Amino acid sequence: MAGSKPFRFKQFTVQQDRCAMKVGTDGVLLGAWAPIDHNPVSVLDIGAGTGLLSLMIAQRSSAEIIDAIEIQDMAFEQCVENFEGSKWSDRLYAYHASLQEFTEEVEDQYELILSNPPFHSEIQTGADPQREMARQNLFLPFPELLEGVSKLLDRNGIFAIILPHKESASFIELALAKNLHPIKLLAVRGNPEVVVKRSLIAFQFGSTGCEHKELVIEHGRHEYSDAYIALTRDFYLKM
């Protein structure tokens, strides 16, 4: 099956043969970009899939606790496998639960929360059925996601997410209702000629002012921009 081979990064390998949602550019962008200047000690990855985001944050930070929640059976098992196979296994913990279940059970709060949610609005008819099913099964409505984040995020913590750009304005409005304000926004284009497709957004409680930037991934086929190389070079083997 195409895309089932292990994805090798510079410091870790992601097994993905049992995960419908494979390693992709979205996850790598979020894992590399998510703000860690506040030196988070505890991190939560919502809808972890293969565990990619958690592994990237383990490489980038000295966070002592990196918890990952995953509701799908096979993806959860794969996440555990990837954590156990990494050199940061003593800091990585996977939980087989929905966000709602996890929120009810856990009293801890996190200084960094990450989510690369399935984009329900982008399901294509006739796409890979397994991938399509995963997206539908894992779909977490934005209000429910933000409800969980608002309870689990430390008062001084940061919540970072990647979204289809067309949904970013409505997501920000929902977040503001929870007193979560955007502090950083990165608009991503595949190349200079196309429209912005993704938005990476970092939120904090009660903050004012947001830093807006734009990233172009490549100028031509496999001619990656300096900014994209700088962002991802610690991870991709060939950067």
C-alpha atoms as a PDB file:
ATOM      1  CA  MET A   1       0.000   0.000   0.000  1.00  0.00           C
ATOM      2  CA  ALA A   2       1.442   3.362  -1.043  1.00  0.00           C
ATOM      3  CA  GLY A   3       2.453   5.636   1.791  1.00  0.00           C
ATOM      4  CA  SER A   4       2.695   2.765   4.273  1.00  0.00           C
ATOM      5  CA  LYS A   5       6.495   2.709   4.433  1.00  0.00           C
ATOM      6  CA  PRO A   6       8.131   4.099   7.572  1.00  0.00           C
ATOM      7  CA  PHE A   7       8.836   7.830   7.312  1.00  0.00           C
ATOM      8  CA  ARG A   8      12.410   8.490   8.400  1.00  0.00           C
ATOM      9  CA  PHE A   9      13.351  11.807   9.943  1.00  0.00           C
ATOM     10  CA  LYS A  10      16.816  12.842  11.138  1.00  0.00           C
ATOM     11  CA  GLN A  11      16.300  11.789  14.750  1.00  0.00           C
ATOM     12  CA  PHE A  12      13.314   9.408  14.660  1.00  0.00           C
ATOM     13  CA  THR A  13      11.264   7.116  12.421  1.00  0.00           C
ATOM     14  CA  VAL A  14       7.475   7.090  12.117  1.00  0.00           C
ATOM     15  CA  GLN A  15       5.799   3.754  11.386  1.00  0.00           C
ATOM     16  CA  GLN A  16       2.509   4.466   9.586  1.00  0.00           C
ATOM     17  CA  ASP A  17       1.287   1.217   8.012  1.00  0.00           C
ATOM     18  CA  ARG A  18      -1.693   0.960  10.411  1.00  0.00           C
ATOM     19  CA  CYS A  19      -2.592   4.672  10.345  1.00  0.00           C
ATOM     20  CA  ALA A  20      -5.060   5.984   7.776  1.00  0.00           C
ATOM     21  CA  MET A  21      -3.661   9.510   8.176  1.00  0.00           C
ATOM     22  CA  LYS A  22      -0.040   9.334   7.022  1.00  0.00           C
ATOM     23  CA  VAL A  23       2.827  11.701   7.739  1.00  0.00           C
ATOM     24  CA  GLY A  24       2.201  14.852   5.716  1.00  0.00           C
ATOM     25  CA  THR A  25       3.394  18.403   5.256  1.00  0.00           C
ATOM     26  CA  ASP A  26       0.686  19.799   7.573  1.00  0.00           C
ATOM     27  CA  GLY A  27       1.914  17.849  10.586  1.00  0.00           C
ATOM     28  CA  VAL A  28       5.557  18.625   9.925  1.00  0.00           C
ATOM     29  CA  LEU A  29       4.791  22.337   9.555  1.00  0.00           C
ATOM     30  CA  LEU A  30       2.886  22.466  12.843  1.00  0.00           C
ATOM     31  CA  GLY A  31       5.452  20.403  14.732  1.00  0.00           C
ATOM     32  CA  ALA A  32       8.291  22.604  13.526  1.00  0.00           C
ATOM     33  CA  TRP A  33       6.448  25.928  13.970  1.00  0.00           C
ATOM     34  CA  ALA A  34       4.531  25.538  17.250  1.00  0.00           C
ATOM     35  CA  PRO A  35       5.853  28.122  19.754  1.00  0.00           C
ATOM     36  CA  ILE A  36       8.064  26.723  22.532  1.00  0.00           C
ATOM     37  CA  ASP A  37       9.799  29.949  23.623  1.00  0.00           C
ATOM     38  CA  HIS A  38       7.861  29.738  26.897  1.00  0.00           C
ATOM     39  CA  ASN A  39       9.670  26.440  27.668  1.00  0.00           C
ATOM     40  CA  PRO A  40       6.621  24.228  28.222  1.00  0.00           C
ATOM     41  CA  VAL A  41       7.073  21.473  30.779  1.00  0.00           C
ATOM     42  CA  SER A  42       3.831  19.681  29.870  1.00  0.00           C
ATOM     43  CA  VAL A  43       2.480  19.191  26.335  1.00  0.00           C
ATOM     44  CA  LEU A  44      -0.751  17.670  24.977  1.00  0.00           C
ATOM     45  CA  ASP A  45      -1.226  16.398  21.413  1.00  0.00           C
ATOM     46  CA  ILE A  46      -4.950  16.091  20.558  1.00  0.00           C
ATOM     47  CA  GLY A  47      -5.717  13.468  17.895  1.00  0.00           C
ATOM     48  CA  ALA A  48      -2.136  12.238  17.751  1.00  0.00           C
ATOM     49  CA  GLY A  49      -2.380   9.740  14.869  1.00  0.00           C
ATOM     50  CA  THR A  50       1.134   8.386  14.334  1.00  0.00           C
ATOM     51  CA  GLY A  51       2.446  10.560  17.181  1.00  0.00           C
ATOM     52  CA  LEU A  52       4.394  12.803  14.787  1.00  0.00           C
ATOM     53  CA  LEU A  53       3.688  16.110  16.583  1.00  0.00           C
ATOM     54  CA  SER A  54       4.635  14.678  19.970  1.00  0.00           C
ATOM     55  CA  LEU A  55       7.899  13.289  18.588  1.00  0.00           C
ATOM     56  CA  MET A  56       8.781  16.621  16.969  1.00  0.00           C
ATOM     57  CA  ILE A  57       8.135  18.521  20.197  1.00  0.00           C
ATOM     58  CA  ALA A  58      10.183  15.937  22.124  1.00  0.00           C
ATOM     59  CA  GLN A  59      13.081  16.685  19.757  1.00  0.00           C
ATOM     60  CA  ARG A  60      12.640  20.469  19.927  1.00  0.00           C
ATOM     61  CA  SER A  61      12.015  20.934  23.653  1.00  0.00           C
ATOM     62  CA  SER A  62      12.914  19.672  27.097  1.00  0.00           C
ATOM     63  CA  ALA A  63       9.239  19.168  28.041  1.00  0.00           C
ATOM     64  CA  GLU A  64       9.069  16.499  30.753  1.00  0.00           C
ATOM     65  CA  ILE A  65       5.553  15.250  29.975  1.00  0.00           C
ATOM     66  CA  ILE A  66       4.228  14.916  26.429  1.00  0.00           C
ATOM     67  CA  ASP A  67       0.760  13.324  26.447  1.00  0.00           C
ATOM     68  CA  ALA A  68      -0.957  12.232  23.252  1.00  0.00           C
ATOM     69  CA  ILE A  69      -4.604  11.245  22.926  1.00  0.00           C
ATOM     70  CA  GLU A  70      -5.893   9.153  20.034  1.00  0.00           C
ATOM     71  CA  ILE A  71      -9.387   7.658  19.716  1.00  0.00           C
ATOM     72  CA  GLN A  72      -8.842   5.238  16.799  1.00  0.00           C
ATOM     73  CA  ASP A  73      -7.640   1.760  17.834  1.00  0.00           C
ATOM     74  CA  MET A  74      -5.067   1.149  15.095  1.00  0.00           C
ATOM     75  CA  ALA A  75      -3.696   4.685  15.191  1.00  0.00           C
ATOM     76  CA  PHE A  76      -3.359   4.510  18.974  1.00  0.00           C
ATOM     77  CA  GLU A  77      -1.383   1.248  18.712  1.00  0.00           C
ATOM     78  CA  GLN A  78       0.856   2.808  16.065  1.00  0.00           C
ATOM     79  CA  CYS A  79       1.398   5.891  18.199  1.00  0.00           C
ATOM     80  CA  VAL A  80       2.505   3.706  21.129  1.00  0.00           C
ATOM     81  CA  GLU A  81       4.857   1.808  18.794  1.00  0.00           C
ATOM     82  CA  ASN A  82       6.427   5.046  17.542  1.00  0.00           C
ATOM     83  CA  PHE A  83       6.842   6.423  21.067  1.00  0.00           C
ATOM     84  CA  GLU A  84       8.465   3.209  22.306  1.00  0.00           C
ATOM     85  CA  GLY A  85      10.813   3.167  19.318  1.00  0.00           C
ATOM     86  CA  SER A  86      12.074   6.716  19.941  1.00  0.00           C
ATOM     87  CA  LYS A  87      14.869   7.930  22.198  1.00  0.00           C
ATOM     88  CA  TRP A  88      12.356  10.080  24.115  1.00  0.00           C
ATOM     89  CA  SER A  89      10.100   7.191  25.189  1.00  0.00           C
ATOM     90  CA  ASP A  90      10.465   8.171  28.863  1.00  0.00           C
ATOM     91  CA  ARG A  91       8.723  11.507  28.151  1.00  0.00           C
ATOM     92  CA  LEU A  92       6.010  10.347  25.743  1.00  0.00           C
ATOM     93  CA  TYR A  93       2.657   8.947  26.920  1.00  0.00           C
ATOM     94  CA  ALA A  94      -0.230   7.818  24.711  1.00  0.00           C
ATOM     95  CA  TYR A  95      -3.867   7.596  25.844  1.00  0.00           C
ATOM     96  CA  HIS A  96      -6.622   5.719  24.004  1.00  0.00           C
ATOM     97  CA  ALA A  97      -9.486   8.148  24.523  1.00  0.00           C
ATOM     98  CA  SER A  98     -11.625  10.858  22.999  1.00  0.00           C
ATOM     99  CA  LEU A  99     -10.919  14.458  23.964  1.00  0.00           C
ATOM    100  CA  GLN A 100     -14.187  14.535  25.914  1.00  0.00           C
ATOM    101  CA  GLU A 101     -13.262  11.399  27.923  1.00  0.00           C
ATOM    102  CA  PHE A 102      -9.753  12.653  28.551  1.00  0.00           C
ATOM    103  CA  THR A 103     -10.989  16.063  29.721  1.00  0.00           C
ATOM    104  CA  GLU A 104     -13.330  14.428  32.240  1.00  0.00           C
ATOM    105  CA  GLU A 105     -10.605  12.145  33.622  1.00  0.00           C
ATOM    106  CA  VAL A 106      -7.635  14.519  33.818  1.00  0.00           C
ATOM    107  CA  GLU A 107      -7.164  17.389  36.234  1.00  0.00           C
ATOM    108  CA  ASP A 108      -3.778  18.494  34.905  1.00  0.00           C
ATOM    109  CA  GLN A 109      -3.308  21.484  32.663  1.00  0.00           C
ATOM    110  CA  TYR A 110      -0.799  21.834  29.853  1.00  0.00           C
ATOM    111  CA  GLU A 111       1.558  24.635  28.884  1.00  0.00           C
ATOM    112  CA  LEU A 112       1.386  23.677  25.203  1.00  0.00           C
ATOM    113  CA  ILE A 113      -1.508  22.007  23.374  1.00  0.00           C
ATOM    114  CA  LEU A 114      -1.240  20.979  19.716  1.00  0.00           C
ATOM    115  CA  SER A 115      -3.771  19.692  17.211  1.00  0.00           C
ATOM    116  CA  ASN A 116      -3.618  18.761  13.548  1.00  0.00           C
ATOM    117  CA  PRO A 117      -7.327  17.926  13.256  1.00  0.00           C
ATOM    118  CA  PRO A 118      -8.917  15.998  10.369  1.00  0.00           C
ATOM    119  CA  PHE A 119     -10.381  18.476   7.904  1.00  0.00           C
ATOM    120  CA  HIS A 120     -13.941  17.291   7.521  1.00  0.00           C
ATOM    121  CA  SER A 121     -14.671  20.016   4.995  1.00  0.00           C
ATOM    122  CA  GLU A 122     -11.989  18.664   2.660  1.00  0.00           C
ATOM    123  CA  ILE A 123     -13.206  15.074   2.337  1.00  0.00           C
ATOM    124  CA  GLN A 124     -13.189  14.238  -1.364  1.00  0.00           C
ATOM    125  CA  THR A 125     -15.740  11.808  -2.777  1.00  0.00           C
ATOM    126  CA  GLY A 126     -13.903   8.849  -4.235  1.00  0.00           C
ATOM    127  CA  ALA A 127     -10.789   9.463  -2.172  1.00  0.00           C
ATOM    128  CA  ASP A 128      -9.002   6.598  -0.398  1.00  0.00           C
ATOM    129  CA  PRO A 129     -11.925   5.025   1.551  1.00  0.00           C
ATOM    130  CA  GLN A 130      -9.797   4.225   4.614  1.00  0.00           C
ATOM    131  CA  ARG A 131      -8.498   7.790   4.794  1.00  0.00           C
ATOM    132  CA  GLU A 132     -11.991   9.163   4.204  1.00  0.00           C
ATOM    133  CA  MET A 133     -13.421   6.987   6.977  1.00  0.00           C
ATOM    134  CA  ALA A 134     -10.658   8.066   9.341  1.00  0.00           C
ATOM    135  CA  ARG A 135     -11.429  11.696   8.677  1.00  0.00           C
ATOM    136  CA  GLN A 136     -15.130  11.176   9.346  1.00  0.00           C
ATOM    137  CA  ASN A 137     -14.622   9.001  12.420  1.00  0.00           C
ATOM    138  CA  LEU A 138     -12.072  11.337  13.925  1.00  0.00           C
ATOM    139  CA  PHE A 139     -13.904  14.530  13.116  1.00  0.00           C
ATOM    140  CA  LEU A 140     -13.965  16.656  16.229  1.00  0.00           C
ATOM    141  CA  PRO A 141     -16.269  19.670  15.851  1.00  0.00           C
ATOM    142  CA  PHE A 142     -14.378  22.893  16.464  1.00  0.00           C
ATOM    143  CA  PRO A 143     -16.604  23.986  19.386  1.00  0.00           C
ATOM    144  CA  GLU A 144     -15.899  20.668  21.155  1.00  0.00           C
ATOM    145  CA  LEU A 145     -12.180  20.952  20.442  1.00  0.00           C
ATOM    146  CA  LEU A 146     -12.085  24.473  21.880  1.00  0.00           C
ATOM    147  CA  GLU A 147     -14.184  23.450  24.887  1.00  0.00           C
ATOM    148  CA  GLY A 148     -11.598  20.796  25.735  1.00  0.00           C
ATOM    149  CA  VAL A 149      -8.660  23.124  25.080  1.00  0.00           C
ATOM    150  CA  SER A 150     -10.130  25.873  27.268  1.00  0.00           C
ATOM    151  CA  LYS A 151     -10.275  23.420  30.194  1.00  0.00           C
ATOM    152  CA  LEU A 152      -6.909  21.743  29.651  1.00  0.00           C
ATOM    153  CA  LEU A 153      -4.738  24.743  28.744  1.00  0.00           C
ATOM    154  CA  ASP A 154      -2.697  26.411  31.473  1.00  0.00           C
ATOM    155  CA  ARG A 155      -3.606  30.083  31.977  1.00  0.00           C
ATOM    156  CA  ASN A 156      -0.251  31.090  30.476  1.00  0.00           C
ATOM    157  CA  GLY A 157      -0.132  28.233  27.979  1.00  0.00           C
ATOM    158  CA  ILE A 158      -0.239  28.246  24.180  1.00  0.00           C
ATOM    159  CA  PHE A 159      -2.576  26.309  21.888  1.00  0.00           C
ATOM    160  CA  ALA A 160      -1.332  25.753  18.308  1.00  0.00           C
ATOM    161  CA  ILE A 161      -3.335  24.348  15.400  1.00  0.00           C
ATOM    162  CA  ILE A 162      -3.195  24.009  11.608  1.00  0.00           C
ATOM    163  CA  LEU A 163      -6.393  24.593   9.613  1.00  0.00           C
ATOM    164  CA  PRO A 164      -7.623  25.088   6.062  1.00  0.00           C
ATOM    165  CA  HIS A 165      -7.158  28.829   5.541  1.00  0.00           C
ATOM    166  CA  LYS A 166     -10.824  29.224   4.564  1.00  0.00           C
ATOM    167  CA  GLU A 167     -11.849  28.030   8.040  1.00  0.00           C
ATOM    168  CA  SER A 168      -9.384  30.112  10.053  1.00  0.00           C
ATOM    169  CA  ALA A 169     -11.582  33.211  10.486  1.00  0.00           C
ATOM    170  CA  SER A 170     -14.549  31.235  11.843  1.00  0.00           C
ATOM    171  CA  PHE A 171     -12.240  29.204  14.124  1.00  0.00           C
ATOM    172  CA  ILE A 172     -10.713  32.402  15.537  1.00  0.00           C
ATOM    173  CA  GLU A 173     -14.216  33.720  16.291  1.00  0.00           C
ATOM    174  CA  LEU A 174     -15.069  30.530  18.199  1.00  0.00           C
ATOM    175  CA  ALA A 175     -11.760  30.731  20.076  1.00  0.00           C
ATOM    176  CA  LEU A 176     -12.343  34.365  21.067  1.00  0.00           C
ATOM    177  CA  ALA A 177     -15.584  33.273  22.719  1.00  0.00           C
ATOM    178  CA  LYS A 178     -13.379  31.146  25.029  1.00  0.00           C
ATOM    179  CA  ASN A 179     -11.038  34.120  25.633  1.00  0.00           C
ATOM    180  CA  LEU A 180      -8.407  32.441  23.435  1.00  0.00           C
ATOM    181  CA  HIS A 181      -6.757  35.107  21.312  1.00  0.00           C
ATOM    182  CA  PRO A 182      -4.468  34.557  18.308  1.00  0.00           C
ATOM    183  CA  ILE A 183      -0.869  35.594  19.027  1.00  0.00           C
ATOM    184  CA  LYS A 184       0.820  34.187  15.906  1.00  0.00           C
ATOM    185  CA  LEU A 185      -0.554  33.330  12.477  1.00  0.00           C
ATOM    186  CA  LEU A 186       1.382  31.795   9.596  1.00  0.00           C
ATOM    187  CA  ALA A 187      -0.374  31.710   6.218  1.00  0.00           C
ATOM    188  CA  VAL A 188       1.030  28.960   3.958  1.00  0.00           C
ATOM    189  CA  ARG A 189       1.132  28.879   0.151  1.00  0.00           C
ATOM    190  CA  GLY A 190       2.383  25.904  -1.845  1.00  0.00           C
ATOM    191  CA  ASN A 191       4.089  28.302  -4.272  1.00  0.00           C
ATOM    192  CA  PRO A 192       3.948  32.062  -4.966  1.00  0.00           C
ATOM    193  CA  GLU A 193       1.280  31.678  -7.664  1.00  0.00           C
ATOM    194  CA  VAL A 194      -1.390  29.872  -5.644  1.00  0.00           C
ATOM    195  CA  VAL A 195      -3.793  31.009  -2.947  1.00  0.00           C
ATOM    196  CA  VAL A 196      -3.086  30.533   0.746  1.00  0.00           C
ATOM    197  CA  LYS A 197      -4.201  27.001   1.608  1.00  0.00           C
ATOM    198  CA  ARG A 198      -3.290  26.561   5.300  1.00  0.00           C
ATOM    199  CA  SER A 199      -3.175  28.713   8.406  1.00  0.00           C
ATOM    200  CA  LEU A 200      -1.088  27.850  11.444  1.00  0.00           C
ATOM    201  CA  ILE A 201      -2.425  29.727  14.472  1.00  0.00           C
ATOM    202  CA  ALA A 202      -1.173  30.000  18.049  1.00  0.00           C
ATOM    203  CA  PHE A 203      -3.604  31.144  20.766  1.00  0.00           C
ATOM    204  CA  GLN A 204      -3.247  32.370  24.330  1.00  0.00           C
ATOM    205  CA  PHE A 205      -5.790  33.403  26.952  1.00  0.00           C
ATOM    206  CA  GLY A 206      -6.521  37.130  26.980  1.00  0.00           C
ATOM    207  CA  SER A 207      -3.619  38.185  24.790  1.00  0.00           C
ATOM    208  CA  THR A 208      -3.784  41.190  22.512  1.00  0.00           C
ATOM    209  CA  GLY A 209      -1.923  41.613  19.268  1.00  0.00           C
ATOM    210  CA  CYS A 210      -1.095  38.963  16.679  1.00  0.00           C
ATOM    211  CA  GLU A 211       2.045  38.499  14.584  1.00  0.00           C
ATOM    212  CA  HIS A 212       1.099  37.710  10.963  1.00  0.00           C
ATOM    213  CA  LYS A 213       3.581  36.030   8.612  1.00  0.00           C
ATOM    214  CA  GLU A 214       3.438  34.144   5.321  1.00  0.00           C
ATOM    215  CA  LEU A 215       5.365  31.062   4.182  1.00  0.00           C
ATOM    216  CA  VAL A 216       5.847  29.861   0.604  1.00  0.00           C
ATOM    217  CA  ILE A 217       6.858  26.199   0.501  1.00  0.00           C
ATOM    218  CA  GLU A 218       8.459  26.012  -2.935  1.00  0.00           C
ATOM    219  CA  HIS A 219       9.252  28.325  -5.832  1.00  0.00           C
ATOM    220  CA  GLY A 220       9.273  25.495  -8.382  1.00  0.00           C
ATOM    221  CA  ARG A 221       8.896  21.726  -8.278  1.00  0.00           C
ATOM    222  CA  HIS A 222      11.159  20.601  -5.378  1.00  0.00           C
ATOM    223  CA  GLU A 223      12.804  24.069  -5.299  1.00  0.00           C
ATOM    224  CA  TYR A 224      12.076  24.740  -1.637  1.00  0.00           C
ATOM    225  CA  SER A 225      12.119  28.269  -0.249  1.00  0.00           C
ATOM    226  CA  ASP A 226      14.834  29.305   2.203  1.00  0.00           C
ATOM    227  CA  ALA A 227      12.161  29.895   4.861  1.00  0.00           C
ATOM    228  CA  TYR A 228      10.698  26.391   4.456  1.00  0.00           C
ATOM    229  CA  ILE A 229      14.165  24.803   4.571  1.00  0.00           C
ATOM    230  CA  ALA A 230      15.023  26.790   7.713  1.00  0.00           C
ATOM    231  CA  LEU A 231      11.781  25.683   9.380  1.00  0.00           C
ATOM    232  CA  THR A 232      12.077  21.972   8.576  1.00  0.00           C
ATOM    233  CA  ARG A 233      15.832  21.264   8.226  1.00  0.00           C
ATOM    234  CA  ASP A 234      16.134  19.775  11.727  1.00  0.00           C
ATOM    235  CA  PHE A 235      13.689  17.055  10.693  1.00  0.00           C
ATOM    236  CA  TYR A 236      13.729  16.157   6.985  1.00  0.00           C
ATOM    237  CA  LEU A 237      16.634  13.945   5.939  1.00  0.00           C
ATOM    238  CA  LYS A 238      17.301  15.803   2.687  1.00  0.00           C
ATOM    239  CA  MET A 239      16.956  19.390   3.902  1.00  0.00           C
END
